[in-house]
Amino acid sequence: MELMLIAGAAILLFGADKVPKLARGLGQAKTEFMVGQTEAEIAAERQRAEIRARAQAAAAAPPEPPAAPATPPGSSSAPTTTTTSSPT
């Protein structure tokens, strides 16, 4: 009953010749949406599989030794000593 009321209102608002065009456009929009949704799901599944593969590879690889601490630029690696001369 409600569907017939909506269809009648659409015919009155848009005219009998525009309603099929509007319905066709809505159908095409729905189809495009479904295609885009499917493509997004495929891309997300690929990403999940890639992340799983990276995690498994990282778990299987031996741990790397810790890196030596970096020295700031402009400083030497040897400790510096300063001497102060005191007046005698």
N, C-alpha and C. Protein backbone atom coordinates (compact mmCIF):
# COMPACT_ATOMS: atom_id res chain seq x y z
N MET A 1 0.83 -1.19 0.00
CA MET A 1 0.00 0.00 0.00
C MET A 1 0.88 1.26 0.00
N GLU A 2 1.89 1.27 0.86
CA GLU A 2 2.75 2.45 0.95
C GLU A 2 3.55 2.64 -0.33
N LEU A 3 3.94 1.52 -0.95
CA LEU A 3 4.71 1.60 -2.18
C LEU A 3 3.89 2.22 -3.30
N MET A 4 2.62 1.88 -3.36
CA MET A 4 1.75 2.46 -4.40
C MET A 4 1.55 3.95 -4.16
N LEU A 5 1.47 4.34 -2.91
CA LEU A 5 1.32 5.75 -2.58
C LEU A 5 2.58 6.53 -2.99
N ILE A 6 3.73 5.95 -2.73
CA ILE A 6 4.99 6.60 -3.12
C ILE A 6 5.10 6.68 -4.64
N ALA A 7 4.73 5.60 -5.34
CA ALA A 7 4.78 5.60 -6.80
C ALA A 7 3.82 6.64 -7.37
N GLY A 8 2.64 6.75 -6.81
CA GLY A 8 1.67 7.76 -7.26
C GLY A 8 2.19 9.17 -7.05
N ALA A 9 2.82 9.41 -5.90
CA ALA A 9 3.36 10.74 -5.63
C ALA A 9 4.50 11.05 -6.59
N ALA A 10 5.33 10.05 -6.91
CA ALA A 10 6.43 10.26 -7.85
C ALA A 10 5.90 10.61 -9.23
N ILE A 11 4.84 9.94 -9.66
CA ILE A 11 4.25 10.23 -10.98
C ILE A 11 3.69 11.64 -11.01
N LEU A 12 3.05 12.05 -9.92
CA LEU A 12 2.50 13.40 -9.87
C LEU A 12 3.61 14.46 -9.85
N LEU A 13 4.68 14.20 -9.12
CA LEU A 13 5.75 15.19 -9.00
C LEU A 13 6.60 15.29 -10.26
N PHE A 14 6.99 14.15 -10.82
CA PHE A 14 7.94 14.14 -11.92
C PHE A 14 7.32 13.92 -13.29
N GLY A 15 6.14 13.39 -13.33
CA GLY A 15 5.52 13.07 -14.61
C GLY A 15 5.80 11.62 -14.98
N ALA A 16 4.91 11.06 -15.79
CA ALA A 16 4.99 9.64 -16.13
C ALA A 16 6.22 9.32 -16.98
N ASP A 17 6.71 10.27 -17.77
CA ASP A 17 7.87 9.97 -18.63
C ASP A 17 9.20 10.04 -17.87
N LYS A 18 9.26 10.75 -16.74
CA LYS A 18 10.51 10.88 -15.98
C LYS A 18 10.72 9.75 -14.98
N VAL A 19 9.67 9.12 -14.50
CA VAL A 19 9.79 8.10 -13.47
C VAL A 19 10.65 6.92 -13.93
N PRO A 20 10.47 6.36 -15.15
CA PRO A 20 11.35 5.26 -15.57
C PRO A 20 12.83 5.69 -15.66
N LYS A 21 13.08 6.91 -16.08
CA LYS A 21 14.46 7.40 -16.15
C LYS A 21 15.06 7.51 -14.76
N LEU A 22 14.27 7.99 -13.81
CA LEU A 22 14.76 8.08 -12.43
C LEU A 22 15.03 6.70 -11.85
N ALA A 23 14.14 5.76 -12.11
CA ALA A 23 14.33 4.40 -11.61
C ALA A 23 15.57 3.76 -12.23
N ARG A 24 15.79 3.98 -13.52
CA ARG A 24 16.96 3.44 -14.20
C ARG A 24 18.24 4.04 -13.60
N GLY A 25 18.20 5.33 -13.38
CA GLY A 25 19.36 6.00 -12.77
C GLY A 25 19.65 5.47 -11.37
N LEU A 26 18.60 5.24 -10.59
CA LEU A 26 18.80 4.68 -9.25
C LEU A 26 19.37 3.27 -9.33
N GLY A 27 18.91 2.49 -10.27
CA GLY A 27 19.43 1.13 -10.45
C GLY A 27 20.90 1.14 -10.85
N GLN A 28 21.27 2.05 -11.74
CA GLN A 28 22.67 2.15 -12.14
C GLN A 28 23.55 2.63 -10.98
N ALA A 29 23.03 3.55 -10.20
CA ALA A 29 23.79 4.04 -9.04
C ALA A 29 24.00 2.91 -8.03
N LYS A 30 22.97 2.10 -7.82
CA LYS A 30 23.09 0.97 -6.89
C LYS A 30 24.13 -0.02 -7.40
N THR A 31 24.12 -0.29 -8.71
CA THR A 31 25.08 -1.22 -9.30
C THR A 31 26.50 -0.70 -9.13
N GLU A 32 26.73 0.57 -9.41
CA GLU A 32 28.06 1.16 -9.25
C GLU A 32 28.51 1.11 -7.80
N PHE A 33 27.59 1.35 -6.89
CA PHE A 33 27.93 1.30 -5.47
C PHE A 33 28.35 -0.11 -5.08
N MET A 34 27.62 -1.10 -5.53
CA MET A 34 27.94 -2.49 -5.20
C MET A 34 29.30 -2.89 -5.78
N VAL A 35 29.61 -2.45 -7.00
CA VAL A 35 30.91 -2.74 -7.62
C VAL A 35 32.02 -2.09 -6.80
N GLY A 36 31.85 -0.85 -6.43
CA GLY A 36 32.85 -0.16 -5.62
C GLY A 36 33.04 -0.81 -4.26
N GLN A 37 31.95 -1.26 -3.65
CA GLN A 37 32.04 -1.92 -2.36
C GLN A 37 32.81 -3.24 -2.48
N THR A 38 32.55 -3.99 -3.54
CA THR A 38 33.26 -5.24 -3.76
C THR A 38 34.74 -4.99 -3.99
N GLU A 39 35.08 -3.98 -4.77
CA GLU A 39 36.49 -3.65 -5.02
C GLU A 39 37.19 -3.24 -3.72
N ALA A 40 36.49 -2.49 -2.88
CA ALA A 40 37.08 -2.08 -1.60
C ALA A 40 37.30 -3.28 -0.69
N GLU A 41 36.37 -4.22 -0.68
CA GLU A 41 36.54 -5.42 0.13
C GLU A 41 37.73 -6.25 -0.35
N ILE A 42 37.90 -6.35 -1.66
CA ILE A 42 39.03 -7.11 -2.22
C ILE A 42 40.35 -6.44 -1.84
N ALA A 43 40.41 -5.11 -1.96
CA ALA A 43 41.63 -4.38 -1.62
C ALA A 43 41.95 -4.52 -0.12
N ALA A 44 40.92 -4.48 0.71
CA ALA A 44 41.14 -4.62 2.15
C ALA A 44 41.64 -6.02 2.48
N GLU A 45 41.10 -7.03 1.84
CA GLU A 45 41.55 -8.40 2.08
C GLU A 45 43.01 -8.59 1.63
N ARG A 46 43.39 -7.97 0.52
CA ARG A 46 44.79 -8.04 0.08
C ARG A 46 45.71 -7.41 1.12
N GLN A 47 45.30 -6.26 1.66
CA GLN A 47 46.12 -5.58 2.67
C GLN A 47 46.25 -6.46 3.92
N ARG A 48 45.13 -7.06 4.35
CA ARG A 48 45.18 -7.93 5.53
C ARG A 48 46.11 -9.11 5.30
N ALA A 49 46.06 -9.70 4.10
CA ALA A 49 46.94 -10.83 3.78
C ALA A 49 48.40 -10.40 3.78
N GLU A 50 48.69 -9.22 3.25
CA GLU A 50 50.06 -8.70 3.22
C GLU A 50 50.58 -8.45 4.64
N ILE A 51 49.74 -7.91 5.49
CA ILE A 51 50.13 -7.65 6.87
C ILE A 51 50.38 -8.96 7.60
N ARG A 52 49.51 -9.95 7.38
CA ARG A 52 49.72 -11.26 8.00
C ARG A 52 51.05 -11.88 7.55
N ALA A 53 51.35 -11.77 6.24
CA ALA A 53 52.60 -12.32 5.72
C ALA A 53 53.80 -11.62 6.33
N ARG A 54 53.75 -10.31 6.48
CA ARG A 54 54.85 -9.57 7.10
C ARG A 54 55.04 -9.98 8.55
N ALA A 55 53.92 -10.16 9.26
CA ALA A 55 54.00 -10.54 10.67
C ALA A 55 54.60 -11.94 10.81
N GLN A 56 54.22 -12.85 9.94
CA GLN A 56 54.77 -14.20 10.00
C GLN A 56 56.26 -14.19 9.66
N ALA A 57 56.65 -13.39 8.67
CA ALA A 57 58.06 -13.30 8.30
C ALA A 57 58.88 -12.69 9.43
N ALA A 58 58.33 -11.70 10.09
CA ALA A 58 59.04 -11.06 11.21
C ALA A 58 59.16 -12.02 12.38
N ALA A 59 58.15 -12.86 12.59
CA ALA A 59 58.20 -13.81 13.70
C ALA A 59 59.19 -14.93 13.41
N ALA A 60 59.35 -15.28 12.15
CA ALA A 60 60.25 -16.37 11.78
C ALA A 60 61.70 -15.92 11.70
N ALA A 61 61.95 -14.65 11.46
CA ALA A 61 63.31 -14.13 11.31
C ALA A 61 63.99 -14.04 12.67
N PRO A 62 65.31 -14.30 12.73
CA PRO A 62 66.01 -14.16 14.01
C PRO A 62 66.07 -12.68 14.39
N PRO A 63 66.10 -12.41 15.69
CA PRO A 63 66.15 -11.00 16.10
C PRO A 63 67.48 -10.37 15.72
N GLU A 64 67.43 -9.11 15.39
CA GLU A 64 68.64 -8.37 15.00
C GLU A 64 69.35 -7.90 16.26
N PRO A 65 70.69 -7.85 16.24
CA PRO A 65 71.42 -7.34 17.41
C PRO A 65 71.12 -5.85 17.58
N PRO A 66 71.17 -5.37 18.80
CA PRO A 66 70.89 -3.94 19.00
C PRO A 66 71.95 -3.08 18.34
N ALA A 67 71.53 -1.98 17.82
CA ALA A 67 72.43 -1.06 17.13
C ALA A 67 73.21 -0.25 18.16
N ALA A 68 74.41 0.15 17.77
CA ALA A 68 75.23 0.99 18.63
C ALA A 68 74.60 2.37 18.71
N PRO A 69 74.69 3.02 19.85
CA PRO A 69 74.09 4.35 19.95
C PRO A 69 74.80 5.33 19.02
N ALA A 70 74.04 6.16 18.41
CA ALA A 70 74.58 7.14 17.48
C ALA A 70 75.13 8.33 18.25
N THR A 71 76.22 8.87 17.73
CA THR A 71 76.78 10.07 18.35
C THR A 71 76.21 11.28 17.64
N PRO A 72 75.94 12.33 18.38
CA PRO A 72 75.39 13.52 17.75
C PRO A 72 76.39 14.13 16.78
N PRO A 73 75.93 14.81 15.75
CA PRO A 73 76.85 15.43 14.80
C PRO A 73 77.72 16.49 15.49
N GLY A 74 78.97 16.53 15.09
CA GLY A 74 79.87 17.54 15.62
C GLY A 74 80.62 17.09 16.87
N SER A 75 80.27 15.94 17.38
CA SER A 75 80.98 15.46 18.56
C SER A 75 81.84 14.28 18.17
N SER A 76 82.94 14.13 18.84
CA SER A 76 83.83 13.01 18.54
C SER A 76 83.42 11.83 19.40
N SER A 77 83.86 10.67 18.97
CA SER A 77 83.49 9.48 19.72
C SER A 77 84.35 9.33 20.98
N ALA A 78 85.54 9.97 21.01
CA ALA A 78 86.41 9.88 22.18
C ALA A 78 85.96 10.90 23.21
N PRO A 79 86.05 10.54 24.46
CA PRO A 79 85.64 11.52 25.48
C PRO A 79 86.62 12.70 25.50
N THR A 80 86.11 13.84 25.73
CA THR A 80 86.95 15.04 25.76
C THR A 80 87.27 15.40 27.20
N THR A 81 88.48 15.82 27.41
CA THR A 81 88.89 16.28 28.74
C THR A 81 89.28 17.73 28.61
N THR A 82 88.90 18.48 29.55
CA THR A 82 89.27 19.88 29.56
C THR A 82 90.16 20.13 30.74
N THR A 83 91.16 20.88 30.51
CA THR A 83 92.07 21.22 31.59
C THR A 83 91.95 22.71 31.87
N THR A 84 91.91 23.00 33.06
CA THR A 84 91.85 24.40 33.43
C THR A 84 93.17 24.76 34.13
N SER A 85 93.67 25.86 33.79
CA SER A 85 94.91 26.29 34.43
C SER A 85 94.55 27.27 35.53
N SER A 86 95.09 27.02 36.64
CA SER A 86 94.82 27.91 37.75
C SER A 86 96.01 28.84 37.94
N PRO A 87 95.80 30.08 38.21
CA PRO A 87 96.91 31.00 38.41
C PRO A 87 97.67 30.64 39.69
N THR A 88 98.94 30.64 39.63
CA THR A 88 99.77 30.33 40.78
C THR A 88 100.42 31.52 41.40
